[in-house]
Amino acid sequence: MLITIKTENGHMTVELDQFFPTTVTRVRKLFRLMRQGLPEQEKAAVRDYLDTRKRQAAVDHRELKRLIGDLELQRRQTEMQLRA
């Protein structure tokens, strides 16, 4: 998602897909600039975008936990077979 923020000295364009993930410090700076120089409609679009990314991250996290569990089970089974 591409956003353009108006600043006192002009404007800046940020590609959110490339900006994130980043540090908390950089996020705070970006959000401060967005509060000051981004129209409400675009702020709402950014919120929707971030909510979507958050939901996808939660899905990815659950999938990774499942895969780790599967690998742990396979490791235990392999260890048992090697001991037998």
PDB file of N, CA and C in Angstrom:
ATOM      1  N   MET A   1       0.847  -1.169   0.000  1.00  0.00           N
ATOM      2  CA  MET A   1       0.000   0.000   0.000  1.00  0.00           C
ATOM      3  C   MET A   1       0.894   1.234   0.000  1.00  0.00           C
ATOM      4  N   LEU A   2       0.624   2.134  -0.893  1.00  0.00           N
ATOM      5  CA  LEU A   2       1.393   3.356  -1.055  1.00  0.00           C
ATOM      6  C   LEU A   2       0.621   4.521  -0.450  1.00  0.00           C
ATOM      7  N   ILE A   3       1.263   5.279   0.448  1.00  0.00           N
ATOM      8  CA  ILE A   3       0.615   6.455   1.018  1.00  0.00           C
ATOM      9  C   ILE A   3       1.509   7.670   0.812  1.00  0.00           C
ATOM     10  N   THR A   4       0.882   8.829   0.692  1.00  0.00           N
ATOM     11  CA  THR A   4       1.607  10.090   0.576  1.00  0.00           C
ATOM     12  C   THR A   4       1.186  10.974   1.742  1.00  0.00           C
ATOM     13  N   ILE A   5       2.182  11.387   2.515  1.00  0.00           N
ATOM     14  CA  ILE A   5       1.944  12.191   3.714  1.00  0.00           C
ATOM     15  C   ILE A   5       2.428  13.608   3.446  1.00  0.00           C
ATOM     16  N   LYS A   6       1.552  14.589   3.702  1.00  0.00           N
ATOM     17  CA  LYS A   6       1.952  15.990   3.566  1.00  0.00           C
ATOM     18  C   LYS A   6       2.671  16.421   4.841  1.00  0.00           C
ATOM     19  N   THR A   7       3.796  17.099   4.657  1.00  0.00           N
ATOM     20  CA  THR A   7       4.571  17.597   5.782  1.00  0.00           C
ATOM     21  C   THR A   7       4.753  19.104   5.628  1.00  0.00           C
ATOM     22  N   GLU A   8       5.331  19.731   6.645  1.00  0.00           N
ATOM     23  CA  GLU A   8       5.574  21.174   6.578  1.00  0.00           C
ATOM     24  C   GLU A   8       6.491  21.531   5.415  1.00  0.00           C
ATOM     25  N   ASN A   9       7.413  20.654   5.090  1.00  0.00           N
ATOM     26  CA  ASN A   9       8.407  20.933   4.057  1.00  0.00           C
ATOM     27  C   ASN A   9       8.081  20.318   2.703  1.00  0.00           C
ATOM     28  N   GLY A  10       6.892  19.749   2.556  1.00  0.00           N
ATOM     29  CA  GLY A  10       6.526  19.124   1.284  1.00  0.00           C
ATOM     30  C   GLY A  10       5.692  17.892   1.514  1.00  0.00           C
ATOM     31  N   HIS A  11       6.169  16.769   1.024  1.00  0.00           N
ATOM     32  CA  HIS A  11       5.447  15.511   1.206  1.00  0.00           C
ATOM     33  C   HIS A  11       6.423  14.346   1.152  1.00  0.00           C
ATOM     34  N   MET A  12       5.957  13.217   1.621  1.00  0.00           N
ATOM     35  CA  MET A  12       6.755  11.992   1.541  1.00  0.00           C
ATOM     36  C   MET A  12       5.833  10.844   1.175  1.00  0.00           C
ATOM     37  N   THR A  13       6.367   9.927   0.404  1.00  0.00           N
ATOM     38  CA  THR A  13       5.617   8.760  -0.020  1.00  0.00           C
ATOM     39  C   THR A  13       6.237   7.540   0.648  1.00  0.00           C
ATOM     40  N   VAL A  14       5.374   6.688   1.212  1.00  0.00           N
ATOM     41  CA  VAL A  14       5.836   5.494   1.919  1.00  0.00           C
ATOM     42  C   VAL A  14       5.124   4.278   1.347  1.00  0.00           C
ATOM     43  N   GLU A  15       5.891   3.261   0.991  1.00  0.00           N
ATOM     44  CA  GLU A  15       5.344   1.975   0.564  1.00  0.00           C
ATOM     45  C   GLU A  15       5.284   1.104   1.807  1.00  0.00           C
ATOM     46  N   LEU A  16       4.090   0.926   2.362  1.00  0.00           N
ATOM     47  CA  LEU A  16       3.950   0.224   3.631  1.00  0.00           C
ATOM     48  C   LEU A  16       4.417  -1.222   3.560  1.00  0.00           C
ATOM     49  N   ASP A  17       4.261  -1.875   2.409  1.00  0.00           N
ATOM     50  CA  ASP A  17       4.736  -3.258   2.269  1.00  0.00           C
ATOM     51  C   ASP A  17       6.249  -3.345   2.464  1.00  0.00           C
ATOM     52  N   GLN A  18       6.964  -2.302   2.074  1.00  0.00           N
ATOM     53  CA  GLN A  18       8.410  -2.289   2.237  1.00  0.00           C
ATOM     54  C   GLN A  18       8.822  -1.718   3.585  1.00  0.00           C
ATOM     55  N   PHE A  19       7.998  -0.844   4.148  1.00  0.00           N
ATOM     56  CA  PHE A  19       8.314  -0.204   5.421  1.00  0.00           C
ATOM     57  C   PHE A  19       8.240  -1.190   6.590  1.00  0.00           C
ATOM     58  N   PHE A  20       7.247  -2.065   6.547  1.00  0.00           N
ATOM     59  CA  PHE A  20       7.067  -3.047   7.620  1.00  0.00           C
ATOM     60  C   PHE A  20       7.690  -4.375   7.233  1.00  0.00           C
ATOM     61  N   PRO A  21       8.262  -5.109   8.146  1.00  0.00           N
ATOM     62  CA  PRO A  21       8.423  -4.820   9.569  1.00  0.00           C
ATOM     63  C   PRO A  21       9.549  -3.817   9.806  1.00  0.00           C
ATOM     64  N   THR A  22       9.443  -3.098  10.912  1.00  0.00           N
ATOM     65  CA  THR A  22      10.438  -2.092  11.271  1.00  0.00           C
ATOM     66  C   THR A  22      10.483  -1.945  12.786  1.00  0.00           C
ATOM     67  N   THR A  23      11.248  -0.998  13.258  1.00  0.00           N
ATOM     68  CA  THR A  23      11.372  -0.790  14.700  1.00  0.00           C
ATOM     69  C   THR A  23      10.195   0.013  15.231  1.00  0.00           C
ATOM     70  N   VAL A  24       9.973  -0.092  16.528  1.00  0.00           N
ATOM     71  CA  VAL A  24       8.907   0.668  17.181  1.00  0.00           C
ATOM     72  C   VAL A  24       9.156   2.163  17.022  1.00  0.00           C
ATOM     73  N   THR A  25      10.401   2.579  17.109  1.00  0.00           N
ATOM     74  CA  THR A  25      10.741   3.992  16.978  1.00  0.00           C
ATOM     75  C   THR A  25      10.321   4.533  15.614  1.00  0.00           C
ATOM     76  N   ARG A  26      10.623   3.789  14.561  1.00  0.00           N
ATOM     77  CA  ARG A  26      10.251   4.237  13.212  1.00  0.00           C
ATOM     78  C   ARG A  26       8.734   4.237  13.015  1.00  0.00           C
ATOM     79  N   VAL A  27       8.046   3.265  13.606  1.00  0.00           N
ATOM     80  CA  VAL A  27       6.582   3.221  13.507  1.00  0.00           C
ATOM     81  C   VAL A  27       5.977   4.443  14.191  1.00  0.00           C
ATOM     82  N   ARG A  28       6.486   4.769  15.366  1.00  0.00           N
ATOM     83  CA  ARG A  28       5.963   5.948  16.085  1.00  0.00           C
ATOM     84  C   ARG A  28       6.164   7.215  15.275  1.00  0.00           C
ATOM     85  N   LYS A  29       7.320   7.368  14.648  1.00  0.00           N
ATOM     86  CA  LYS A  29       7.576   8.546  13.814  1.00  0.00           C
ATOM     87  C   LYS A  29       6.598   8.591  12.644  1.00  0.00           C
ATOM     88  N   LEU A  30       6.410   7.436  11.989  1.00  0.00           N
ATOM     89  CA  LEU A  30       5.494   7.389  10.853  1.00  0.00           C
ATOM     90  C   LEU A  30       4.074   7.721  11.284  1.00  0.00           C
ATOM     91  N   PHE A  31       3.617   7.134  12.392  1.00  0.00           N
ATOM     92  CA  PHE A  31       2.251   7.398  12.853  1.00  0.00           C
ATOM     93  C   PHE A  31       2.061   8.864  13.225  1.00  0.00           C
ATOM     94  N   ARG A  32       3.091   9.484  13.818  1.00  0.00           N
ATOM     95  CA  ARG A  32       2.994  10.908  14.154  1.00  0.00           C
ATOM     96  C   ARG A  32       2.823  11.731  12.880  1.00  0.00           C
ATOM     97  N   LEU A  33       3.617  11.424  11.860  1.00  0.00           N
ATOM     98  CA  LEU A  33       3.487  12.125  10.586  1.00  0.00           C
ATOM     99  C   LEU A  33       2.130  11.869   9.948  1.00  0.00           C
ATOM    100  N   MET A  34       1.641  10.640  10.050  1.00  0.00           N
ATOM    101  CA  MET A  34       0.337  10.309   9.476  1.00  0.00           C
ATOM    102  C   MET A  34      -0.783  11.080  10.169  1.00  0.00           C
ATOM    103  N   ARG A  35      -0.705  11.178  11.495  1.00  0.00           N
ATOM    104  CA  ARG A  35      -1.737  11.940  12.222  1.00  0.00           C
ATOM    105  C   ARG A  35      -1.789  13.383  11.745  1.00  0.00           C
ATOM    106  N   GLN A  36      -0.647  13.948  11.433  1.00  0.00           N
ATOM    107  CA  GLN A  36      -0.568  15.352  11.040  1.00  0.00           C
ATOM    108  C   GLN A  36      -0.845  15.586   9.558  1.00  0.00           C
ATOM    109  N   GLY A  37      -0.489  14.639   8.699  1.00  0.00           N
ATOM    110  CA  GLY A  37      -0.535  14.945   7.283  1.00  0.00           C
ATOM    111  C   GLY A  37      -1.249  13.961   6.386  1.00  0.00           C
ATOM    112  N   LEU A  38      -2.118  13.141   6.959  1.00  0.00           N
ATOM    113  CA  LEU A  38      -2.829  12.163   6.139  1.00  0.00           C
ATOM    114  C   LEU A  38      -4.336  12.381   6.312  1.00  0.00           C
ATOM    115  N   PRO A  39      -5.079  12.494   5.216  1.00  0.00           N
ATOM    116  CA  PRO A  39      -6.535  12.671   5.318  1.00  0.00           C
ATOM    117  C   PRO A  39      -7.193  11.487   6.041  1.00  0.00           C
ATOM    118  N   GLU A  40      -8.314  11.755   6.677  1.00  0.00           N
ATOM    119  CA  GLU A  40      -9.023  10.724   7.459  1.00  0.00           C
ATOM    120  C   GLU A  40      -9.339   9.485   6.631  1.00  0.00           C
ATOM    121  N   GLN A  41      -9.725   9.675   5.397  1.00  0.00           N
ATOM    122  CA  GLN A  41     -10.071   8.532   4.543  1.00  0.00           C
ATOM    123  C   GLN A  41      -8.854   7.626   4.340  1.00  0.00           C
ATOM    124  N   GLU A  42      -7.686   8.219   4.152  1.00  0.00           N
ATOM    125  CA  GLU A  42      -6.469   7.410   3.985  1.00  0.00           C
ATOM    126  C   GLU A  42      -6.051   6.770   5.300  1.00  0.00           C
ATOM    127  N   LYS A  43      -6.284   7.455   6.416  1.00  0.00           N
ATOM    128  CA  LYS A  43      -5.990   6.859   7.728  1.00  0.00           C
ATOM    129  C   LYS A  43      -6.824   5.596   7.923  1.00  0.00           C
ATOM    130  N   ALA A  44      -8.088   5.672   7.526  1.00  0.00           N
ATOM    131  CA  ALA A  44      -8.968   4.502   7.642  1.00  0.00           C
ATOM    132  C   ALA A  44      -8.462   3.368   6.748  1.00  0.00           C
ATOM    133  N   ALA A  45      -7.992   3.706   5.563  1.00  0.00           N
ATOM    134  CA  ALA A  45      -7.469   2.681   4.649  1.00  0.00           C
ATOM    135  C   ALA A  45      -6.207   2.042   5.243  1.00  0.00           C
ATOM    136  N   VAL A  46      -5.364   2.836   5.887  1.00  0.00           N
ATOM    137  CA  VAL A  46      -4.154   2.299   6.517  1.00  0.00           C
ATOM    138  C   VAL A  46      -4.537   1.384   7.672  1.00  0.00           C
ATOM    139  N   ARG A  47      -5.544   1.791   8.472  1.00  0.00           N
ATOM    140  CA  ARG A  47      -6.010   0.926   9.565  1.00  0.00           C
ATOM    141  C   ARG A  47      -6.494  -0.419   9.026  1.00  0.00           C
ATOM    142  N   ASP A  48      -7.272  -0.380   7.954  1.00  0.00           N
ATOM    143  CA  ASP A  48      -7.756  -1.623   7.340  1.00  0.00           C
ATOM    144  C   ASP A  48      -6.588  -2.481   6.846  1.00  0.00           C
ATOM    145  N   TYR A  49      -5.629  -1.839   6.210  1.00  0.00           N
ATOM    146  CA  TYR A  49      -4.449  -2.545   5.710  1.00  0.00           C
ATOM    147  C   TYR A  49      -3.699  -3.216   6.864  1.00  0.00           C
ATOM    148  N   LEU A  50      -3.470  -2.472   7.955  1.00  0.00           N
ATOM    149  CA  LEU A  50      -2.738  -3.023   9.093  1.00  0.00           C
ATOM    150  C   LEU A  50      -3.529  -4.126   9.788  1.00  0.00           C
ATOM    151  N   ASP A  51      -4.851  -3.979   9.863  1.00  0.00           N
ATOM    152  CA  ASP A  51      -5.683  -5.037  10.441  1.00  0.00           C
ATOM    153  C   ASP A  51      -5.567  -6.319   9.616  1.00  0.00           C
ATOM    154  N   THR A  52      -5.578  -6.183   8.303  1.00  0.00           N
ATOM    155  CA  THR A  52      -5.437  -7.339   7.419  1.00  0.00           C
ATOM    156  C   THR A  52      -4.082  -8.000   7.616  1.00  0.00           C
ATOM    157  N   ARG A  53      -3.020  -7.192   7.684  1.00  0.00           N
ATOM    158  CA  ARG A  53      -1.678  -7.745   7.921  1.00  0.00           C
ATOM    159  C   ARG A  53      -1.607  -8.443   9.271  1.00  0.00           C
ATOM    160  N   LYS A  54      -2.266  -7.867  10.278  1.00  0.00           N
ATOM    161  CA  LYS A  54      -2.262  -8.462  11.620  1.00  0.00           C
ATOM    162  C   LYS A  54      -2.964  -9.820  11.607  1.00  0.00           C
ATOM    163  N   ARG A  55      -4.125  -9.889  10.952  1.00  0.00           N
ATOM    164  CA  ARG A  55      -4.850 -11.163  10.868  1.00  0.00           C
ATOM    165  C   ARG A  55      -4.026 -12.206  10.124  1.00  0.00           C
ATOM    166  N   GLN A  56      -3.374 -11.806   9.041  1.00  0.00           N
ATOM    167  CA  GLN A  56      -2.552 -12.748   8.283  1.00  0.00           C
ATOM    168  C   GLN A  56      -1.368 -13.223   9.113  1.00  0.00           C
ATOM    169  N   ALA A  57      -0.779 -12.324   9.886  1.00  0.00           N
ATOM    170  CA  ALA A  57       0.341 -12.714  10.744  1.00  0.00           C
ATOM    171  C   ALA A  57      -0.111 -13.734  11.784  1.00  0.00           C
ATOM    172  N   ALA A  58      -1.324 -13.563  12.315  1.00  0.00           N
ATOM    173  CA  ALA A  58      -1.849 -14.516  13.293  1.00  0.00           C
ATOM    174  C   ALA A  58      -2.056 -15.892  12.645  1.00  0.00           C
ATOM    175  N   VAL A  59      -2.568 -15.907  11.429  1.00  0.00           N
ATOM    176  CA  VAL A  59      -2.749 -17.169  10.702  1.00  0.00           C
ATOM    177  C   VAL A  59      -1.392 -17.817  10.448  1.00  0.00           C
ATOM    178  N   ASP A  60      -0.431 -17.024  10.002  1.00  0.00           N
ATOM    179  CA  ASP A  60       0.912 -17.553   9.742  1.00  0.00           C
ATOM    180  C   ASP A  60       1.529 -18.111  11.021  1.00  0.00           C
ATOM    181  N   HIS A  61       1.325 -17.423  12.135  1.00  0.00           N
ATOM    182  CA  HIS A  61       1.870 -17.862  13.415  1.00  0.00           C
ATOM    183  C   HIS A  61       1.283 -19.212  13.833  1.00  0.00           C
ATOM    184  N   ARG A  62      -0.044 -19.342  13.696  1.00  0.00           N
ATOM    185  CA  ARG A  62      -0.691 -20.619  14.034  1.00  0.00           C
ATOM    186  C   ARG A  62      -0.168 -21.749  13.158  1.00  0.00           C
ATOM    187  N   GLU A  63       0.018 -21.463  11.876  1.00  0.00           N
ATOM    188  CA  GLU A  63       0.521 -22.484  10.953  1.00  0.00           C
ATOM    189  C   GLU A  63       1.950 -22.878  11.330  1.00  0.00           C
ATOM    190  N   LEU A  64       2.770 -21.921  11.674  1.00  0.00           N
ATOM    191  CA  LEU A  64       4.143 -22.235  12.076  1.00  0.00           C
ATOM    192  C   LEU A  64       4.167 -23.058  13.357  1.00  0.00           C
ATOM    193  N   LYS A  65       3.303 -22.727  14.316  1.00  0.00           N
ATOM    194  CA  LYS A  65       3.241 -23.515  15.546  1.00  0.00           C
ATOM    195  C   LYS A  65       2.836 -24.952  15.249  1.00  0.00           C
ATOM    196  N   ARG A  66       1.886 -25.134  14.323  1.00  0.00           N
ATOM    197  CA  ARG A  66       1.454 -26.476  13.952  1.00  0.00           C
ATOM    198  C   ARG A  66       2.608 -27.239  13.313  1.00  0.00           C
ATOM    199  N   LEU A  67       3.327 -26.585  12.410  1.00  0.00           N
ATOM    200  CA  LEU A  67       4.458 -27.232  11.748  1.00  0.00           C
ATOM    201  C   LEU A  67       5.561 -27.599  12.750  1.00  0.00           C
ATOM    202  N   ILE A  68       5.820 -26.722  13.695  1.00  0.00           N
ATOM    203  CA  ILE A  68       6.820 -27.017  14.727  1.00  0.00           C
ATOM    204  C   ILE A  68       6.387 -28.229  15.542  1.00  0.00           C
ATOM    205  N   GLY A  69       5.110 -28.283  15.889  1.00  0.00           N
ATOM    206  CA  GLY A  69       4.589 -29.437  16.618  1.00  0.00           C
ATOM    207  C   GLY A  69       4.752 -30.723  15.826  1.00  0.00           C
ATOM    208  N   ASP A  70       4.449 -30.656  14.529  1.00  0.00           N
ATOM    209  CA  ASP A  70       4.616 -31.830  13.664  1.00  0.00           C
ATOM    210  C   ASP A  70       6.077 -32.275  13.610  1.00  0.00           C
ATOM    211  N   LEU A  71       6.974 -31.327  13.474  1.00  0.00           N
ATOM    212  CA  LEU A  71       8.399 -31.659  13.417  1.00  0.00           C
ATOM    213  C   LEU A  71       8.890 -32.227  14.747  1.00  0.00           C
ATOM    214  N   GLU A  72       8.408 -31.694  15.842  1.00  0.00           N
ATOM    215  CA  GLU A  72       8.788 -32.214  17.160  1.00  0.00           C
ATOM    216  C   GLU A  72       8.321 -33.661  17.315  1.00  0.00           C
ATOM    217  N   LEU A  73       7.103 -33.945  16.860  1.00  0.00           N
ATOM    218  CA  LEU A  73       6.580 -35.309  16.913  1.00  0.00           C
ATOM    219  C   LEU A  73       7.439 -36.247  16.056  1.00  0.00           C
ATOM    220  N   GLN A  74       7.781 -35.803  14.851  1.00  0.00           N
ATOM    221  CA  GLN A  74       8.629 -36.622  13.976  1.00  0.00           C
ATOM    222  C   GLN A  74       9.993 -36.867  14.611  1.00  0.00           C
ATOM    223  N   ARG A  75      10.544 -35.854  15.254  1.00  0.00           N
ATOM    224  CA  ARG A  75      11.844 -36.009  15.914  1.00  0.00           C
ATOM    225  C   ARG A  75      11.771 -37.057  17.014  1.00  0.00           C
ATOM    226  N   ARG A  76      10.712 -36.984  17.837  1.00  0.00           N
ATOM    227  CA  ARG A  76      10.546 -37.965  18.917  1.00  0.00           C
ATOM    228  C   ARG A  76      10.389 -39.382  18.369  1.00  0.00           C
ATOM    229  N   GLN A  77       9.572 -39.503  17.309  1.00  0.00           N
ATOM    230  CA  GLN A  77       9.368 -40.821  16.706  1.00  0.00           C
ATOM    231  C   GLN A  77      10.665 -41.371  16.136  1.00  0.00           C
ATOM    232  N   THR A  78      11.451 -40.532  15.520  1.00  0.00           N
ATOM    233  CA  THR A  78      12.734 -40.962  14.954  1.00  0.00           C
ATOM    234  C   THR A  78      13.689 -41.392  16.050  1.00  0.00           C
ATOM    235  N   GLU A  79      13.723 -40.631  17.166  1.00  0.00           N
ATOM    236  CA  GLU A  79      14.572 -41.002  18.285  1.00  0.00           C
ATOM    237  C   GLU A  79      14.173 -42.364  18.850  1.00  0.00           C
ATOM    238  N   MET A  80      12.861 -42.615  18.961  1.00  0.00           N
ATOM    239  CA  MET A  80      12.372 -43.892  19.471  1.00  0.00           C
ATOM    240  C   MET A  80      12.777 -45.029  18.530  1.00  0.00           C
ATOM    241  N   GLN A  81      12.693 -44.798  17.228  1.00  0.00           N
ATOM    242  CA  GLN A  81      13.060 -45.827  16.264  1.00  0.00           C
ATOM    243  C   GLN A  81      14.557 -46.126  16.336  1.00  0.00           C
ATOM    244  N   LEU A  82      15.349 -45.103  16.545  1.00  0.00           N
ATOM    245  CA  LEU A  82      16.802 -45.301  16.623  1.00  0.00           C
ATOM    246  C   LEU A  82      17.193 -46.057  17.880  1.00  0.00           C
ATOM    247  N   ARG A  83      16.443 -45.886  18.950  1.00  0.00           N
ATOM    248  CA  ARG A  83      16.721 -46.585  20.204  1.00  0.00           C
ATOM    249  C   ARG A  83      16.279 -48.051  20.145  1.00  0.00           C
ATOM    250  N   ALA A  84      15.315 -48.338  19.287  1.00  0.00           N
ATOM    251  CA  ALA A  84      14.768 -49.708  19.218  1.00  0.00           C
ATOM    252  C   ALA A  84      15.679 -50.667  18.511  1.00  0.00           C
TER     253      ALA A  84
END
